[in-house]
Amino acid sequence: AFLVMSAHPTMVSTHLCRPSLGVDFFFVLSGFI
């Protein structure tokens, strides 16, 4: 939860190792939850 929150401020520049990959994780996890 902290990782998702802390990732948002930098989401325009980096997601994990490549742009936007963190969004995929956020959406998969959100659908599951």
PDB file of all heavy atoms in Angstrom:
ATOM      1  N   ALA A   1       0.835  -1.200   0.000  1.00  0.00           N
ATOM      2  CA  ALA A   1       0.000   0.000   0.000  1.00  0.00           C
ATOM      3  C   ALA A   1       0.867   1.245   0.000  1.00  0.00           C
ATOM      4  O   ALA A   1       0.585   2.223  -0.696  1.00  0.00           O
ATOM      5  CB  ALA A   1      -0.910  -0.008   1.235  1.00  0.00           C
ATOM      6  N   PHE A   2       1.941   1.201   0.799  1.00  0.00           N
ATOM      7  CA  PHE A   2       2.864   2.330   0.832  1.00  0.00           C
ATOM      8  C   PHE A   2       3.566   2.494  -0.509  1.00  0.00           C
ATOM      9  O   PHE A   2       3.779   3.610  -0.989  1.00  0.00           O
ATOM     10  CB  PHE A   2       3.901   2.123   1.931  1.00  0.00           C
ATOM     11  CG  PHE A   2       4.985   3.160   1.932  1.00  0.00           C
ATOM     12  CD1 PHE A   2       4.756   4.428   2.426  1.00  0.00           C
ATOM     13  CD2 PHE A   2       6.241   2.862   1.419  1.00  0.00           C
ATOM     14  CE1 PHE A   2       5.756   5.378   2.420  1.00  0.00           C
ATOM     15  CE2 PHE A   2       7.241   3.810   1.407  1.00  0.00           C
ATOM     16  CZ  PHE A   2       7.008   5.068   1.910  1.00  0.00           C
ATOM     17  N   LEU A   3       3.925   1.353  -1.129  1.00  0.00           N
ATOM     18  CA  LEU A   3       4.611   1.413  -2.412  1.00  0.00           C
ATOM     19  C   LEU A   3       3.721   2.039  -3.481  1.00  0.00           C
ATOM     20  O   LEU A   3       4.177   2.839  -4.295  1.00  0.00           O
ATOM     21  CB  LEU A   3       5.039   0.005  -2.851  1.00  0.00           C
ATOM     22  CG  LEU A   3       6.111  -0.651  -1.994  1.00  0.00           C
ATOM     23  CD1 LEU A   3       6.381  -2.062  -2.494  1.00  0.00           C
ATOM     24  CD2 LEU A   3       7.395   0.162  -2.007  1.00  0.00           C
ATOM     25  N   VAL A   4       2.436   1.671  -3.490  1.00  0.00           N
ATOM     26  CA  VAL A   4       1.506   2.243  -4.467  1.00  0.00           C
ATOM     27  C   VAL A   4       1.367   3.743  -4.246  1.00  0.00           C
ATOM     28  O   VAL A   4       1.406   4.542  -5.176  1.00  0.00           O
ATOM     29  CB  VAL A   4       0.129   1.563  -4.365  1.00  0.00           C
ATOM     30  CG1 VAL A   4      -0.901   2.305  -5.201  1.00  0.00           C
ATOM     31  CG2 VAL A   4       0.223   0.122  -4.838  1.00  0.00           C
ATOM     32  N   MET A   5       1.222   4.149  -2.979  1.00  0.00           N
ATOM     33  CA  MET A   5       1.068   5.566  -2.668  1.00  0.00           C
ATOM     34  C   MET A   5       2.328   6.347  -3.032  1.00  0.00           C
ATOM     35  O   MET A   5       2.262   7.430  -3.612  1.00  0.00           O
ATOM     36  CB  MET A   5       0.749   5.745  -1.183  1.00  0.00           C
ATOM     37  CG  MET A   5      -0.613   5.207  -0.767  1.00  0.00           C
ATOM     38  SD  MET A   5      -0.830   5.252   1.021  1.00  0.00           S
ATOM     39  CE  MET A   5      -0.657   7.004   1.333  1.00  0.00           C
ATOM     40  N   SER A   6       3.489   5.801  -2.695  1.00  0.00           N
ATOM     41  CA  SER A   6       4.729   6.523  -2.941  1.00  0.00           C
ATOM     42  C   SER A   6       5.072   6.562  -4.417  1.00  0.00           C
ATOM     43  O   SER A   6       5.805   7.451  -4.860  1.00  0.00           O
ATOM     44  CB  SER A   6       5.881   5.875  -2.167  1.00  0.00           C
ATOM     45  OG  SER A   6       6.089   4.547  -2.598  1.00  0.00           O
ATOM     46  N   ALA A   7       4.530   5.622  -5.188  1.00  0.00           N
ATOM     47  CA  ALA A   7       4.827   5.595  -6.621  1.00  0.00           C
ATOM     48  C   ALA A   7       4.083   6.672  -7.381  1.00  0.00           C
ATOM     49  O   ALA A   7       4.551   7.144  -8.415  1.00  0.00           O
ATOM     50  CB  ALA A   7       4.476   4.228  -7.208  1.00  0.00           C
ATOM     51  N   HIS A   8       2.906   7.081  -6.878  1.00  0.00           N
ATOM     52  CA  HIS A   8       2.087   8.027  -7.616  1.00  0.00           C
ATOM     53  C   HIS A   8       2.751   9.376  -7.880  1.00  0.00           C
ATOM     54  O   HIS A   8       2.616   9.919  -8.979  1.00  0.00           O
ATOM     55  CB  HIS A   8       0.742   8.237  -6.906  1.00  0.00           C
ATOM     56  CG  HIS A   8      -0.273   7.201  -7.284  1.00  0.00           C
ATOM     57  ND1 HIS A   8      -0.252   5.932  -6.747  1.00  0.00           N
ATOM     58  CD2 HIS A   8      -1.302   7.232  -8.148  1.00  0.00           C
ATOM     59  CE1 HIS A   8      -1.244   5.243  -7.263  1.00  0.00           C
ATOM     60  NE2 HIS A   8      -1.891   5.986  -8.119  1.00  0.00           N
ATOM     61  N   PRO A   9       3.463   9.969  -6.921  1.00  0.00           N
ATOM     62  CA  PRO A   9       4.070  11.270  -7.226  1.00  0.00           C
ATOM     63  C   PRO A   9       5.073  11.237  -8.369  1.00  0.00           C
ATOM     64  O   PRO A   9       5.300  12.250  -9.033  1.00  0.00           O
ATOM     65  CB  PRO A   9       4.761  11.650  -5.899  1.00  0.00           C
ATOM     66  CG  PRO A   9       4.017  10.899  -4.868  1.00  0.00           C
ATOM     67  CD  PRO A   9       3.643   9.612  -5.519  1.00  0.00           C
ATOM     68  N   THR A  10       5.684  10.071  -8.606  1.00  0.00           N
ATOM     69  CA  THR A  10       6.682   9.986  -9.668  1.00  0.00           C
ATOM     70  C   THR A  10       6.174   9.214 -10.875  1.00  0.00           C
ATOM     71  O   THR A  10       6.934   8.868 -11.761  1.00  0.00           O
ATOM     72  CB  THR A  10       7.957   9.299  -9.142  1.00  0.00           C
ATOM     73  OG1 THR A  10       7.608   7.992  -8.664  1.00  0.00           O
ATOM     74  CG2 THR A  10       8.577  10.092  -8.022  1.00  0.00           C
ATOM     75  N   MET A  11       4.874   8.992 -10.924  1.00  0.00           N
ATOM     76  CA  MET A  11       4.314   8.151 -11.968  1.00  0.00           C
ATOM     77  C   MET A  11       4.497   8.732 -13.360  1.00  0.00           C
ATOM     78  O   MET A  11       4.504   8.014 -14.346  1.00  0.00           O
ATOM     79  CB  MET A  11       2.820   7.908 -11.692  1.00  0.00           C
ATOM     80  CG  MET A  11       2.252   6.708 -12.417  1.00  0.00           C
ATOM     81  SD  MET A  11       0.582   6.325 -11.857  1.00  0.00           S
ATOM     82  CE  MET A  11       0.905   5.501 -10.316  1.00  0.00           C
ATOM     83  N   VAL A  12       4.630  10.053 -13.462  1.00  0.00           N
ATOM     84  CA  VAL A  12       4.789  10.652 -14.778  1.00  0.00           C
ATOM     85  C   VAL A  12       6.175  10.398 -15.348  1.00  0.00           C
ATOM     86  O   VAL A  12       6.405  10.581 -16.540  1.00  0.00           O
ATOM     87  CB  VAL A  12       4.565  12.183 -14.708  1.00  0.00           C
ATOM     88  CG1 VAL A  12       3.134  12.490 -14.387  1.00  0.00           C
ATOM     89  CG2 VAL A  12       5.501  12.827 -13.693  1.00  0.00           C
ATOM     90  N   SER A  13       7.119   9.972 -14.502  1.00  0.00           N
ATOM     91  CA  SER A  13       8.482   9.790 -14.999  1.00  0.00           C
ATOM     92  C   SER A  13       8.987   8.358 -14.929  1.00  0.00           C
ATOM     93  O   SER A  13       9.816   7.959 -15.727  1.00  0.00           O
ATOM     94  CB  SER A  13       9.446  10.683 -14.205  1.00  0.00           C
ATOM     95  OG  SER A  13       9.395  10.357 -12.829  1.00  0.00           O
ATOM     96  N   THR A  14       8.493   7.587 -13.949  1.00  0.00           N
ATOM     97  CA  THR A  14       9.016   6.224 -13.841  1.00  0.00           C
ATOM     98  C   THR A  14       8.008   5.325 -13.163  1.00  0.00           C
ATOM     99  O   THR A  14       7.349   5.716 -12.228  1.00  0.00           O
ATOM    100  CB  THR A  14      10.326   6.197 -13.042  1.00  0.00           C
ATOM    101  OG1 THR A  14      10.775   4.849 -12.945  1.00  0.00           O
ATOM    102  CG2 THR A  14      10.192   6.759 -11.652  1.00  0.00           C
ATOM    103  N   HIS A  15       7.885   4.099 -13.642  1.00  0.00           N
ATOM    104  CA  HIS A  15       7.052   3.071 -13.034  1.00  0.00           C
ATOM    105  C   HIS A  15       7.892   1.810 -13.005  1.00  0.00           C
ATOM    106  O   HIS A  15       8.152   1.208 -14.038  1.00  0.00           O
ATOM    107  CB  HIS A  15       5.779   2.820 -13.842  1.00  0.00           C
ATOM    108  CG  HIS A  15       4.953   4.047 -14.018  1.00  0.00           C
ATOM    109  ND1 HIS A  15       4.166   4.573 -13.016  1.00  0.00           N
ATOM    110  CD2 HIS A  15       4.798   4.872 -15.079  1.00  0.00           C
ATOM    111  CE1 HIS A  15       3.553   5.653 -13.459  1.00  0.00           C
ATOM    112  NE2 HIS A  15       3.922   5.848 -14.694  1.00  0.00           N
ATOM    113  N   LEU A  16       8.300   1.397 -11.812  1.00  0.00           N
ATOM    114  CA  LEU A  16       9.236   0.295 -11.681  1.00  0.00           C
ATOM    115  C   LEU A  16      10.463   0.605 -12.532  1.00  0.00           C
ATOM    116  O   LEU A  16      11.134   1.588 -12.291  1.00  0.00           O
ATOM    117  CB  LEU A  16       8.550  -1.020 -12.093  1.00  0.00           C
ATOM    118  CG  LEU A  16       7.325  -1.396 -11.228  1.00  0.00           C
ATOM    119  CD1 LEU A  16       6.760  -2.730 -11.681  1.00  0.00           C
ATOM    120  CD2 LEU A  16       7.667  -1.450  -9.761  1.00  0.00           C
ATOM    121  N   CYS A  17      10.763  -0.197 -13.542  1.00  0.00           N
ATOM    122  CA  CYS A  17      11.963   0.042 -14.341  1.00  0.00           C
ATOM    123  C   CYS A  17      11.657   0.773 -15.632  1.00  0.00           C
ATOM    124  O   CYS A  17      12.539   1.369 -16.233  1.00  0.00           O
ATOM    125  CB  CYS A  17      12.643  -1.294 -14.670  1.00  0.00           C
ATOM    126  SG  CYS A  17      13.218  -2.181 -13.203  1.00  0.00           S
ATOM    127  N   ARG A  18      10.400   0.732 -16.098  1.00  0.00           N
ATOM    128  CA  ARG A  18      10.020   1.372 -17.346  1.00  0.00           C
ATOM    129  C   ARG A  18       8.729   2.158 -17.125  1.00  0.00           C
ATOM    130  O   ARG A  18       7.950   1.848 -16.236  1.00  0.00           O
ATOM    131  CB  ARG A  18       9.803   0.333 -18.450  1.00  0.00           C
ATOM    132  CG  ARG A  18      11.093  -0.313 -18.933  1.00  0.00           C
ATOM    133  CD  ARG A  18      11.966   0.674 -19.671  1.00  0.00           C
ATOM    134  NE  ARG A  18      13.241   0.072 -20.034  1.00  0.00           N
ATOM    135  CZ  ARG A  18      14.238   0.756 -20.566  1.00  0.00           C
ATOM    136  NH1 ARG A  18      14.107   2.045 -20.789  1.00  0.00           N
ATOM    137  NH2 ARG A  18      15.369   0.162 -20.863  1.00  0.00           N
ATOM    138  N   PRO A  19       8.480   3.189 -17.931  1.00  0.00           N
ATOM    139  CA  PRO A  19       7.275   3.995 -17.758  1.00  0.00           C
ATOM    140  C   PRO A  19       6.015   3.149 -17.769  1.00  0.00           C
ATOM    141  O   PRO A  19       5.845   2.270 -18.596  1.00  0.00           O
ATOM    142  CB  PRO A  19       7.336   4.947 -18.967  1.00  0.00           C
ATOM    143  CG  PRO A  19       8.784   5.040 -19.296  1.00  0.00           C
ATOM    144  CD  PRO A  19       9.345   3.675 -19.012  1.00  0.00           C
ATOM    145  N   SER A  20       5.156   3.412 -16.804  1.00  0.00           N
ATOM    146  CA  SER A  20       3.794   2.896 -16.746  1.00  0.00           C
ATOM    147  C   SER A  20       3.654   1.454 -16.309  1.00  0.00           C
ATOM    148  O   SER A  20       2.539   0.980 -16.154  1.00  0.00           O
ATOM    149  CB  SER A  20       3.079   3.075 -18.101  1.00  0.00           C
ATOM    150  OG  SER A  20       2.993   4.427 -18.443  1.00  0.00           O
ATOM    151  N   LEU A  21       4.737   0.722 -16.090  1.00  0.00           N
ATOM    152  CA  LEU A  21       4.578  -0.664 -15.682  1.00  0.00           C
ATOM    153  C   LEU A  21       3.924  -0.772 -14.312  1.00  0.00           C
ATOM    154  O   LEU A  21       3.219  -1.735 -14.031  1.00  0.00           O
ATOM    155  CB  LEU A  21       5.926  -1.389 -15.670  1.00  0.00           C
ATOM    156  CG  LEU A  21       6.652  -1.532 -17.009  1.00  0.00           C
ATOM    157  CD1 LEU A  21       7.822  -2.494 -16.865  1.00  0.00           C
ATOM    158  CD2 LEU A  21       5.707  -2.012 -18.092  1.00  0.00           C
ATOM    159  N   GLY A  22       4.147   0.213 -13.454  1.00  0.00           N
ATOM    160  CA  GLY A  22       3.510   0.215 -12.146  1.00  0.00           C
ATOM    161  C   GLY A  22       2.008   0.301 -12.236  1.00  0.00           C
ATOM    162  O   GLY A  22       1.291  -0.193 -11.362  1.00  0.00           O
ATOM    163  N   VAL A  23       1.481   0.911 -13.304  1.00  0.00           N
ATOM    164  CA  VAL A  23       0.040   1.020 -13.481  1.00  0.00           C
ATOM    165  C   VAL A  23      -0.565  -0.357 -13.721  1.00  0.00           C
ATOM    166  O   VAL A  23      -1.650  -0.668 -13.213  1.00  0.00           O
ATOM    167  CB  VAL A  23      -0.296   1.971 -14.645  1.00  0.00           C
ATOM    168  CG1 VAL A  23      -1.804   2.060 -14.850  1.00  0.00           C
ATOM    169  CG2 VAL A  23       0.270   3.354 -14.378  1.00  0.00           C
ATOM    170  N   ASP A  24       0.120  -1.194 -14.493  1.00  0.00           N
ATOM    171  CA  ASP A  24      -0.362  -2.553 -14.741  1.00  0.00           C
ATOM    172  C   ASP A  24      -0.534  -3.300 -13.418  1.00  0.00           C
ATOM    173  O   ASP A  24      -1.552  -3.963 -13.186  1.00  0.00           O
ATOM    174  CB  ASP A  24       0.616  -3.308 -15.644  1.00  0.00           C
ATOM    175  CG  ASP A  24       0.787  -2.663 -17.009  1.00  0.00           C
ATOM    176  OD1 ASP A  24       1.367  -1.562 -17.080  1.00  0.00           O
ATOM    177  OD2 ASP A  24       0.341  -3.255 -18.001  1.00  0.00           O
ATOM    178  N   PHE A  25       0.480  -3.202 -12.566  1.00  0.00           N
ATOM    179  CA  PHE A  25       0.415  -3.871 -11.269  1.00  0.00           C
ATOM    180  C   PHE A  25      -0.725  -3.319 -10.421  1.00  0.00           C
ATOM    181  O   PHE A  25      -1.497  -4.071  -9.810  1.00  0.00           O
ATOM    182  CB  PHE A  25       1.742  -3.702 -10.535  1.00  0.00           C
ATOM    183  CG  PHE A  25       1.718  -4.223  -9.122  1.00  0.00           C
ATOM    184  CD1 PHE A  25       1.572  -5.574  -8.873  1.00  0.00           C
ATOM    185  CD2 PHE A  25       1.841  -3.353  -8.053  1.00  0.00           C
ATOM    186  CE1 PHE A  25       1.540  -6.063  -7.575  1.00  0.00           C
ATOM    187  CE2 PHE A  25       1.816  -3.833  -6.751  1.00  0.00           C
ATOM    188  CZ  PHE A  25       1.667  -5.184  -6.512  1.00  0.00           C
ATOM    189  N   PHE A  26      -0.852  -2.006 -10.405  1.00  0.00           N
ATOM    190  CA  PHE A  26      -1.896  -1.358  -9.615  1.00  0.00           C
ATOM    191  C   PHE A  26      -3.276  -1.821 -10.065  1.00  0.00           C
ATOM    192  O   PHE A  26      -4.154  -2.108  -9.235  1.00  0.00           O
ATOM    193  CB  PHE A  26      -1.757   0.160  -9.754  1.00  0.00           C
ATOM    194  CG  PHE A  26      -2.856   0.930  -9.081  1.00  0.00           C
ATOM    195  CD1 PHE A  26      -2.955   0.985  -7.701  1.00  0.00           C
ATOM    196  CD2 PHE A  26      -3.790   1.619  -9.835  1.00  0.00           C
ATOM    197  CE1 PHE A  26      -3.965   1.705  -7.086  1.00  0.00           C
ATOM    198  CE2 PHE A  26      -4.800   2.345  -9.228  1.00  0.00           C
ATOM    199  CZ  PHE A  26      -4.891   2.386  -7.848  1.00  0.00           C
ATOM    200  N   PHE A  27      -3.494  -1.930 -11.377  1.00  0.00           N
ATOM    201  CA  PHE A  27      -4.802  -2.313 -11.890  1.00  0.00           C
ATOM    202  C   PHE A  27      -5.088  -3.799 -11.647  1.00  0.00           C
ATOM    203  O   PHE A  27      -6.212  -4.160 -11.300  1.00  0.00           O
ATOM    204  CB  PHE A  27      -4.905  -1.991 -13.376  1.00  0.00           C
ATOM    205  CG  PHE A  27      -5.153  -0.528 -13.670  1.00  0.00           C
ATOM    206  CD1 PHE A  27      -5.110   0.422 -12.678  1.00  0.00           C
ATOM    207  CD2 PHE A  27      -5.424  -0.108 -14.962  1.00  0.00           C
ATOM    208  CE1 PHE A  27      -5.319   1.766 -12.942  1.00  0.00           C
ATOM    209  CE2 PHE A  27      -5.646   1.237 -15.255  1.00  0.00           C
ATOM    210  CZ  PHE A  27      -5.589   2.179 -14.238  1.00  0.00           C
ATOM    211  N   VAL A  28      -4.094  -4.661 -11.862  1.00  0.00           N
ATOM    212  CA  VAL A  28      -4.292  -6.095 -11.599  1.00  0.00           C
ATOM    213  C   VAL A  28      -4.614  -6.304 -10.120  1.00  0.00           C
ATOM    214  O   VAL A  28      -5.573  -7.013  -9.765  1.00  0.00           O
ATOM    215  CB  VAL A  28      -3.047  -6.918 -11.993  1.00  0.00           C
ATOM    216  CG1 VAL A  28      -3.193  -8.368 -11.518  1.00  0.00           C
ATOM    217  CG2 VAL A  28      -2.837  -6.892 -13.496  1.00  0.00           C
ATOM    218  N   LEU A  29      -3.823  -5.694  -9.262  1.00  0.00           N
ATOM    219  CA  LEU A  29      -4.029  -5.836  -7.825  1.00  0.00           C
ATOM    220  C   LEU A  29      -5.372  -5.260  -7.402  1.00  0.00           C
ATOM    221  O   LEU A  29      -6.084  -5.836  -6.573  1.00  0.00           O
ATOM    222  CB  LEU A  29      -2.891  -5.145  -7.070  1.00  0.00           C
ATOM    223  CG  LEU A  29      -2.874  -5.301  -5.540  1.00  0.00           C
ATOM    224  CD1 LEU A  29      -2.766  -6.762  -5.164  1.00  0.00           C
ATOM    225  CD2 LEU A  29      -1.734  -4.502  -4.945  1.00  0.00           C
ATOM    226  N   SER A  30      -5.750  -4.129  -7.992  1.00  0.00           N
ATOM    227  CA  SER A  30      -7.020  -3.508  -7.647  1.00  0.00           C
ATOM    228  C   SER A  30      -8.200  -4.387  -8.041  1.00  0.00           C
ATOM    229  O   SER A  30      -9.167  -4.531  -7.289  1.00  0.00           O
ATOM    230  CB  SER A  30      -7.133  -2.139  -8.342  1.00  0.00           C
ATOM    231  OG  SER A  30      -8.331  -1.487  -7.976  1.00  0.00           O
ATOM    232  N   GLY A  31      -8.137  -4.986  -9.253  1.00  0.00           N
ATOM    233  CA  GLY A  31      -9.201  -5.881  -9.676  1.00  0.00           C
ATOM    234  C   GLY A  31      -9.332  -7.077  -8.760  1.00  0.00           C
ATOM    235  O   GLY A  31     -10.452  -7.501  -8.420  1.00  0.00           O
ATOM    236  N   PHE A  32      -8.190  -7.611  -8.328  1.00  0.00           N
ATOM    237  CA  PHE A  32      -8.209  -8.740  -7.400  1.00  0.00           C
ATOM    238  C   PHE A  32      -8.827  -8.345  -6.065  1.00  0.00           C
ATOM    239  O   PHE A  32      -9.694  -9.034  -5.524  1.00  0.00           O
ATOM    240  CB  PHE A  32      -6.790  -9.261  -7.176  1.00  0.00           C
ATOM    241  CG  PHE A  32      -6.699 -10.310  -6.106  1.00  0.00           C
ATOM    242  CD1 PHE A  32      -6.896 -11.641  -6.412  1.00  0.00           C
ATOM    243  CD2 PHE A  32      -6.429  -9.951  -4.791  1.00  0.00           C
ATOM    244  CE1 PHE A  32      -6.832 -12.617  -5.417  1.00  0.00           C
ATOM    245  CE2 PHE A  32      -6.360 -10.913  -3.792  1.00  0.00           C
ATOM    246  CZ  PHE A  32      -6.565 -12.257  -4.102  1.00  0.00           C
ATOM    247  N   ILE A  33      -8.387  -7.217  -5.538  1.00  0.00           N
ATOM    248  CA  ILE A  33      -8.811  -6.801  -4.203  1.00  0.00           C
ATOM    249  C   ILE A  33     -10.294  -6.466  -4.160  1.00  0.00           C
ATOM    250  O   ILE A  33     -10.993  -6.838  -3.210  1.00  0.00           O
ATOM    251  CB  ILE A  33      -7.971  -5.601  -3.728  1.00  0.00           C
ATOM    252  CG1 ILE A  33      -6.549  -6.055  -3.437  1.00  0.00           C
ATOM    253  CG2 ILE A  33      -8.584  -4.982  -2.480  1.00  0.00           C
ATOM    254  CD1 ILE A  33      -5.587  -4.909  -3.194  1.00  0.00           C
TER     255      ILE A  33
END
